[in-house]
């Protein structure tokens, strides 16, 4: 008969606390479930919760029942007896000997009892319990003089973990007295999108499926758009972290700021008007640089802005460089951060040579000083 291999997963359940996780084809009266035909690989276990055993058979379970004149219930209970003693092993992959008939079962079980009394040292591998445990969260109140870096170091975490977990847009604007949530391990808080699957997220972030399941105590593999998942061990991208740290954009022109973002008197009429950027004075011809790498989506001349350039960036950002004396890029070109886009000028609605610089987020003007460094 063809040799087959399959995995059996024994689940240790406290009385009165049945596992909610959906599982396939449990055998009534036992704690064994068939996971299906899988490649022969070894897996590290979660102590006290789930143990994966590699099992080799020359005959199928149904054949064993027929040949030994045994019921499925008898086989199930016999195997359950073995797995009942297994939780004390922290991390073991076990090869189960072949049972040719029902007479073999008693001897096999006795041999496992003897092995349990004196387990070989080389089969025991230490496993960090935090790798396979439910996420624990505590609160922390920001004190005078605290920085997010200090708080992260105090709890032994990366700063991007706290940024992600608390959805912090600007670490420089966390007020004293604010409460932040501190997880017990590093990782990212992820918002599920349409089409996401646990397997896909596992591959995308390089985190095992078991760790995601356990950290979030999931009862089902069905995800809902908008659902929050903690991805243990995952990191923010450099772009995301720089944005939160206020280090994403560089100043396109160094110098003092003569006019800030927000309501101000019109420089010609004195009537209060909204100013959607900042003004930086400079000599005509002084280079103006891209605050962030991006694609040139528009250039031209405008009655208010004079000669201008607009760059498009990731994450819905756009930047505007106005009142230029000369445009040095073409539409469609990509400009690296720090690349020259034009020269300071006095074109358009202007009271003197300066650069008007704006940042837009999904089409809405935002204060550039929140992002510049």
Protein backbone atom coordinates (compact mmCIF):
# COMPACT_ATOMS: atom_id res chain seq x y z
CA UNK A 1 0.00 0.00 0.00
CA UNK A 2 1.24 3.48 -0.76
CA UNK A 3 2.91 5.25 2.14
CA UNK A 4 1.12 8.45 3.15
CA UNK A 5 1.92 11.26 5.53
CA UNK A 6 -0.31 13.67 7.33
CA UNK A 7 -0.28 15.95 10.34
CA UNK A 8 -2.33 15.64 13.47
CA UNK A 9 -2.79 18.65 15.72
CA UNK A 10 -3.60 18.11 19.39
CA UNK A 11 -5.30 21.04 21.06
CA UNK A 12 -5.22 21.38 24.83
CA UNK A 13 -8.50 22.83 26.06
CA UNK A 14 -9.24 23.89 29.62
CA UNK A 15 -12.50 22.43 31.03
CA UNK A 16 -15.39 24.74 30.34
CA UNK A 17 -13.35 26.83 27.90
CA UNK A 18 -13.72 25.22 24.47
CA UNK A 19 -11.60 26.74 21.72
CA UNK A 20 -13.63 29.02 19.47
CA UNK A 21 -11.30 28.76 16.49
CA UNK A 22 -13.00 27.01 13.61
CA UNK A 23 -11.36 23.65 12.91
CA UNK A 24 -12.05 20.91 10.39
CA UNK A 25 -13.43 17.46 11.17
CA UNK A 26 -12.86 16.90 14.87
CA UNK A 27 -13.34 13.27 15.91
CA UNK A 28 -16.10 13.17 18.58
CA UNK A 29 -14.75 12.22 21.99
CA UNK A 30 -11.14 13.00 21.11
CA UNK A 31 -8.81 15.95 20.94
CA UNK A 32 -7.40 15.13 17.53
CA UNK A 33 -8.12 16.86 14.26
CA UNK A 34 -6.82 16.01 10.84
CA UNK A 35 -5.14 18.97 9.20
CA UNK A 36 -4.78 17.24 5.86
CA UNK A 37 -1.98 16.03 3.63
CA UNK A 38 0.92 18.43 4.01
CA UNK A 39 4.62 18.46 3.05
CA UNK A 40 6.89 16.80 5.60
CA UNK A 41 8.17 19.79 7.53
CA UNK A 42 8.86 20.39 11.21
CA UNK A 43 7.16 23.23 13.03
CA UNK A 44 7.97 24.91 16.34
CA UNK A 45 5.14 24.59 18.82
CA UNK A 46 3.30 26.93 21.11
CA UNK A 47 3.81 25.52 24.63
CA UNK A 48 0.62 24.42 26.34
CA UNK A 49 -1.59 25.29 23.38
CA UNK A 50 -0.97 23.47 20.11
CA UNK A 51 1.51 20.74 19.22
CA UNK A 52 2.06 19.61 15.63
CA UNK A 53 3.21 16.02 15.16
CA UNK A 54 4.62 14.52 12.00
CA UNK A 55 2.93 11.17 11.54
CA UNK A 56 3.89 8.43 9.10
CA UNK A 57 1.56 5.52 8.35
CA UNK A 58 1.80 2.56 6.04
CA UNK A 59 -1.94 2.18 6.27
CA UNK A 60 -4.77 4.66 6.57
CA UNK A 61 -6.67 5.19 9.81
CA UNK A 62 -9.77 3.49 8.40
CA UNK A 63 -7.65 0.48 7.34
CA UNK A 64 -6.23 0.28 10.85
CA UNK A 65 -9.74 0.16 12.27
CA UNK A 66 -10.82 -2.59 9.87
CA UNK A 67 -7.67 -4.71 10.25
CA UNK A 68 -7.64 -4.50 14.03
CA UNK A 69 -11.39 -4.84 14.41
CA UNK A 70 -11.35 -1.51 16.23
CA UNK A 71 -13.86 1.31 16.18
CA UNK A 72 -12.96 4.85 15.23
CA UNK A 73 -13.78 5.82 18.82
CA UNK A 74 -11.26 3.31 20.19
CA UNK A 75 -8.48 4.58 17.95
CA UNK A 76 -9.38 8.17 18.79
CA UNK A 77 -9.30 7.55 22.54
CA UNK A 78 -6.01 5.68 22.31
CA UNK A 79 -4.37 8.51 20.44
CA UNK A 80 -5.92 11.05 22.81
CA UNK A 81 -4.24 9.27 25.73
CA UNK A 82 -0.87 9.93 24.15
CA UNK A 83 -1.56 13.56 23.41
CA UNK A 84 -2.86 14.07 26.97
CA UNK A 85 0.70 13.70 28.29
CA UNK A 86 2.31 15.81 25.57
CA UNK A 87 1.82 19.39 26.92
CA UNK A 88 4.82 19.10 29.23
CA UNK A 89 7.08 18.94 26.18
CA UNK A 90 7.92 22.52 25.20
CA UNK A 91 8.77 21.92 21.56
CA UNK A 92 8.82 18.43 20.09
CA UNK A 93 8.36 16.86 16.69
CA UNK A 94 7.47 13.19 17.18
CA UNK A 95 7.64 10.31 14.71
CA UNK A 96 4.90 7.85 15.65
CA UNK A 97 5.75 4.19 15.00
CA UNK A 98 3.57 2.15 12.69
CA UNK A 99 0.70 0.19 14.23
CA UNK A 100 0.19 -2.93 12.12
CA UNK A 101 -2.60 -4.26 14.32
CA UNK A 102 -4.50 -3.51 17.50
CA UNK A 103 -1.96 -5.51 19.56
CA UNK A 104 0.70 -2.91 18.68
CA UNK A 105 -1.19 0.03 20.18
CA UNK A 106 -0.62 -0.91 23.83
CA UNK A 107 3.11 -1.30 23.37
CA UNK A 108 3.35 1.94 21.41
CA UNK A 109 1.59 3.88 24.16
CA UNK A 110 3.78 2.30 26.85
CA UNK A 111 6.87 3.34 24.89
CA UNK A 112 5.67 6.95 24.80
CA UNK A 113 5.10 6.92 28.55
CA UNK A 114 8.68 5.74 29.03
CA UNK A 115 9.97 8.45 26.68
CA UNK A 116 8.00 11.09 28.58
CA UNK A 117 9.68 10.08 31.85
CA UNK A 118 13.14 10.61 30.36
CA UNK A 119 12.86 12.89 27.31
CA UNK A 120 16.10 13.18 25.30
CA UNK A 121 17.74 16.56 25.84
CA UNK A 122 18.29 17.10 22.13
CA UNK A 123 14.57 17.16 21.32
CA UNK A 124 13.77 19.99 23.72
CA UNK A 125 14.13 23.46 22.21
CA UNK A 126 13.43 26.66 24.16
CA UNK A 127 10.66 28.76 22.65
CA UNK A 128 10.01 32.40 23.50
CA UNK A 129 6.42 32.32 24.88
CA UNK A 130 5.82 35.89 23.68
CA UNK A 131 6.07 34.69 20.08
CA UNK A 132 2.84 32.76 20.48
CA UNK A 133 0.68 34.63 22.97
CA UNK A 134 -2.14 37.11 22.95
CA UNK A 135 -1.16 40.77 22.76
CA UNK A 136 -1.09 42.63 26.07
CA UNK A 137 -1.53 46.42 26.18
CA UNK A 138 -0.90 49.01 28.87
CA UNK A 139 -1.50 52.76 29.00
CA UNK A 140 1.12 55.44 29.57
CA UNK A 141 0.58 59.14 30.27
CA UNK A 142 3.03 61.51 28.57
CA UNK A 143 5.02 63.47 31.16
CA UNK A 144 6.77 66.83 30.92
CA UNK A 145 10.04 66.36 29.02
CA UNK A 146 9.03 63.00 27.50
CA UNK A 147 9.85 62.20 23.90
CA UNK A 148 8.37 59.25 22.08
CA UNK A 149 11.88 57.89 21.67
CA UNK A 150 12.35 57.93 25.46
CA UNK A 151 9.01 56.21 26.05
CA UNK A 152 9.77 53.51 23.48
CA UNK A 153 13.19 52.84 25.01
CA UNK A 154 11.68 52.69 28.51
CA UNK A 155 9.41 49.84 27.44
CA UNK A 156 11.99 48.11 25.24
CA UNK A 157 10.18 48.87 21.99
CA UNK A 158 10.98 50.47 18.65
CA UNK A 159 9.62 53.95 18.18
CA UNK A 160 7.71 52.97 15.03
CA UNK A 161 5.73 50.47 17.13
CA UNK A 162 4.30 53.29 19.26
CA UNK A 163 3.79 55.52 16.22
CA UNK A 164 1.81 52.84 14.40
CA UNK A 165 -0.13 51.50 17.39
CA UNK A 166 -1.34 54.99 18.35
CA UNK A 167 -1.75 56.32 14.78
CA UNK A 168 0.53 59.26 15.57
CA UNK A 169 0.78 61.65 12.64
CA UNK A 170 3.39 63.97 14.18
CA UNK A 171 5.50 62.92 17.17
CA UNK A 172 6.40 66.55 17.82
CA UNK A 173 2.80 67.42 18.64
CA UNK A 174 2.02 64.92 21.41
CA UNK A 175 0.78 67.04 24.35
CA UNK A 176 1.76 66.49 27.98
CA UNK A 177 -0.96 64.45 29.66
CA UNK A 178 -1.89 62.54 26.53
CA UNK A 179 -2.39 58.81 27.02
CA UNK A 180 -0.80 56.39 24.61
CA UNK A 181 -1.24 52.63 24.33
CA UNK A 182 1.89 50.53 24.76
CA UNK A 183 1.85 46.94 23.42
CA UNK A 184 4.03 44.26 25.00
CA UNK A 185 6.00 43.62 21.80
CA UNK A 186 7.14 45.31 18.60
CA UNK A 187 4.91 45.35 15.54
CA UNK A 188 2.44 47.36 13.50
CA UNK A 189 -1.25 48.09 13.83
CA UNK A 190 -2.72 47.33 10.41
CA UNK A 191 -6.14 48.28 9.05
CA UNK A 192 -7.61 45.50 6.92
CA UNK A 193 -8.45 46.42 3.34
CA UNK A 194 -10.82 44.78 0.91
CA UNK A 195 -9.25 41.63 -0.50
CA UNK A 196 -6.79 41.13 2.37
CA UNK A 197 -6.26 37.60 3.67
CA UNK A 198 -4.31 36.35 6.66
CA UNK A 199 -2.08 34.32 4.37
CA UNK A 200 -1.41 37.38 2.24
CA UNK A 201 -0.57 39.56 5.25
CA UNK A 202 1.68 36.83 6.61
CA UNK A 203 3.68 36.78 3.38
CA UNK A 204 3.67 40.55 2.94
CA UNK A 205 5.09 41.30 6.39
CA UNK A 206 7.20 38.15 6.73
CA UNK A 207 5.40 37.07 9.91
CA UNK A 208 4.14 33.55 10.53
CA UNK A 209 0.41 32.98 10.37
CA UNK A 210 0.45 31.45 13.85
CA UNK A 211 1.92 34.61 15.40
CA UNK A 212 -0.73 36.81 13.78
CA UNK A 213 -3.52 34.48 14.91
CA UNK A 214 -2.29 34.30 18.48
CA UNK A 215 -1.43 37.99 18.91
CA UNK A 216 -4.95 38.95 17.85
CA UNK A 217 -6.71 35.96 19.45
CA UNK A 218 -8.59 35.39 16.20
CA UNK A 219 -11.44 32.90 16.14
CA UNK A 220 -11.76 32.91 12.36
CA UNK A 221 -9.64 33.53 9.29
CA UNK A 222 -12.37 35.79 7.84
CA UNK A 223 -11.24 39.43 7.73
CA UNK A 224 -13.47 42.51 7.49
CA UNK A 225 -12.40 45.77 5.80
CA UNK A 226 -11.62 48.31 8.52
CA UNK A 227 -10.71 45.62 11.06
CA UNK A 228 -7.57 46.35 13.10
CA UNK A 229 -4.86 43.69 13.27
CA UNK A 230 -1.59 43.76 15.16
CA UNK A 231 1.22 42.33 13.01
CA UNK A 232 3.95 41.28 15.48
CA UNK A 233 7.51 42.07 14.41
CA UNK A 234 6.48 44.14 11.35
CA UNK A 235 8.07 47.56 10.72
CA UNK A 236 6.91 50.86 9.25
CA UNK A 237 8.40 51.87 5.92
CA UNK A 238 11.05 54.58 5.96
CA UNK A 239 8.57 56.92 4.25
CA UNK A 240 5.86 56.36 6.87
CA UNK A 241 8.24 56.80 9.79
CA UNK A 242 9.83 59.96 8.41
CA UNK A 243 6.38 61.43 7.87
CA UNK A 244 5.45 60.83 11.51
CA UNK A 245 8.79 62.17 12.74
CA UNK A 246 8.40 65.36 10.71
CA UNK A 247 11.45 64.43 8.67
CA UNK A 248 9.79 63.64 5.36
CA UNK A 249 10.30 66.97 3.59
CA UNK A 250 13.39 69.16 3.44
CA UNK A 251 13.26 72.95 3.10
CA UNK A 252 13.22 73.88 -0.60
CA UNK A 253 15.03 77.12 0.26
CA UNK A 254 16.93 78.00 3.41
CA UNK A 255 16.12 81.29 5.06
CA UNK A 256 13.72 83.03 7.40
CA UNK A 257 9.97 82.64 6.96
CA UNK A 258 8.43 86.02 6.19
CA UNK A 259 4.82 84.82 6.13
CA UNK A 260 3.33 81.66 7.64
CA UNK A 261 0.43 79.32 6.95
CA UNK A 262 -3.12 80.43 7.74
CA UNK A 263 -5.14 83.66 7.87
CA UNK A 264 -3.08 86.81 7.31
CA UNK A 265 -3.62 90.36 5.98
CA UNK A 266 -3.28 90.57 2.21
CA UNK A 267 0.12 92.23 1.53
CA UNK A 268 -1.50 94.63 -0.96
CA UNK A 269 -5.00 95.31 0.43
CA UNK A 270 -4.68 94.43 4.11
CA UNK A 271 -7.86 92.34 3.94
CA UNK A 272 -7.57 89.06 5.94
CA UNK A 273 -7.11 86.12 3.57
CA UNK A 274 -6.06 82.51 3.87
CA UNK A 275 -2.41 81.87 2.97
CA UNK A 276 -2.00 78.24 1.88
CA UNK A 277 1.75 78.01 2.37
CA UNK A 278 4.85 79.78 3.64
CA UNK A 279 6.97 82.53 2.08
CA UNK A 280 10.78 82.42 2.18
CA UNK A 281 12.62 85.51 0.86
CA UNK A 282 15.67 85.03 -1.37
CA UNK A 283 17.70 86.65 -4.10
CA UNK A 284 16.51 86.25 -7.68
CA UNK A 285 18.20 83.23 -9.24
CA UNK A 286 18.79 81.36 -5.95
CA UNK A 287 18.20 77.61 -6.52
CA UNK A 288 14.92 76.12 -5.33
CA UNK A 289 15.01 72.39 -4.50
CA UNK A 290 12.43 69.60 -4.41
CA UNK A 291 11.30 69.13 -0.81
CA UNK A 292 10.61 65.46 -1.55
CA UNK A 293 11.23 63.22 -4.52
CA UNK A 294 8.31 63.27 -6.93
CA UNK A 295 6.90 63.55 -10.43
CA UNK A 296 6.36 66.92 -12.13
CA UNK A 297 2.61 67.06 -12.80
CA UNK A 298 2.26 70.71 -13.77
CA UNK A 299 4.32 73.76 -14.71
CA UNK A 300 3.30 77.13 -16.09
CA UNK A 301 2.49 80.74 -15.35
CA UNK A 302 -0.38 81.88 -13.11
CA UNK A 303 -1.74 85.41 -12.39
CA UNK A 304 -1.22 84.89 -8.64
CA UNK A 305 1.61 82.36 -8.41
CA UNK A 306 3.61 83.56 -11.40
CA UNK A 307 5.90 80.85 -12.73
CA UNK A 308 5.27 77.70 -10.74
CA UNK A 309 5.99 73.96 -10.48
CA UNK A 310 3.81 71.27 -8.87
CA UNK A 311 5.28 67.90 -7.84
CA UNK A 312 3.29 64.80 -6.92
CA UNK A 313 4.57 62.50 -4.16
CA UNK A 314 3.53 59.22 -2.51
CA UNK A 315 0.72 59.03 0.03
CA UNK A 316 -1.36 61.80 -1.56
CA UNK A 317 1.15 64.63 -1.13
CA UNK A 318 1.78 67.44 -3.62
CA UNK A 319 4.13 70.43 -3.34
CA UNK A 320 3.86 73.85 -5.00
CA UNK A 321 6.83 76.13 -5.78
CA UNK A 322 5.67 79.60 -6.89
CA UNK A 323 6.89 83.09 -7.95
CA UNK A 324 9.88 81.48 -9.72
CA UNK A 325 12.05 83.42 -12.11
CA UNK A 326 12.90 80.27 -14.03
CA UNK A 327 11.49 76.74 -14.28
CA UNK A 328 14.15 74.03 -14.60
CA UNK A 329 12.01 70.88 -14.95
CA UNK A 330 9.54 69.56 -17.49
CA UNK A 331 6.13 68.00 -16.98
CA UNK A 332 6.37 64.23 -16.49
CA UNK A 333 9.97 64.27 -15.27
CA UNK A 334 10.91 62.69 -11.94
CA UNK A 335 12.86 64.89 -9.53
CA UNK A 336 14.77 63.40 -6.60
CA UNK A 337 14.60 65.01 -3.17
CA UNK A 338 17.00 67.95 -3.28
CA UNK A 339 16.88 68.16 -7.07
CA UNK A 340 16.65 71.66 -8.54
CA UNK A 341 13.16 72.59 -9.76
CA UNK A 342 13.64 76.32 -10.43
CA UNK A 343 15.04 79.65 -9.26
CA UNK A 344 13.72 82.25 -6.82
CA UNK A 345 11.86 85.06 -8.57
CA UNK A 346 9.33 87.86 -8.24
CA UNK A 347 6.69 86.77 -10.75
CA UNK A 348 2.91 86.88 -10.25
CA UNK A 349 1.19 88.52 -7.27
CA UNK A 350 4.36 89.25 -5.33
CA UNK A 351 5.79 92.07 -3.20
CA UNK A 352 9.41 91.07 -3.75
CA UNK A 353 11.73 88.14 -4.57
CA UNK A 354 10.69 85.12 -2.54
CA UNK A 355 9.53 81.51 -2.78
CA UNK A 356 5.95 80.64 -1.98
CA UNK A 357 5.91 76.97 -0.90
CA UNK A 358 2.81 74.86 -0.21
CA UNK A 359 2.17 71.24 0.75
CA UNK A 360 -1.15 69.59 -0.13
CA UNK A 361 -2.43 66.32 1.32
CA UNK A 362 -5.06 64.74 -0.95
CA UNK A 363 -5.75 68.19 -2.39
CA UNK A 364 -6.05 70.00 0.94
CA UNK A 365 -3.43 72.56 1.99
CA UNK A 366 -1.59 71.63 5.21
CA UNK A 367 0.91 73.59 7.29
CA UNK A 368 4.35 72.91 5.73
CA UNK A 369 6.07 73.38 9.09
CA UNK A 370 4.40 70.17 10.30
CA UNK A 371 6.44 68.21 7.77
CA UNK A 372 9.61 70.18 7.05
CA UNK A 373 12.89 69.59 8.81
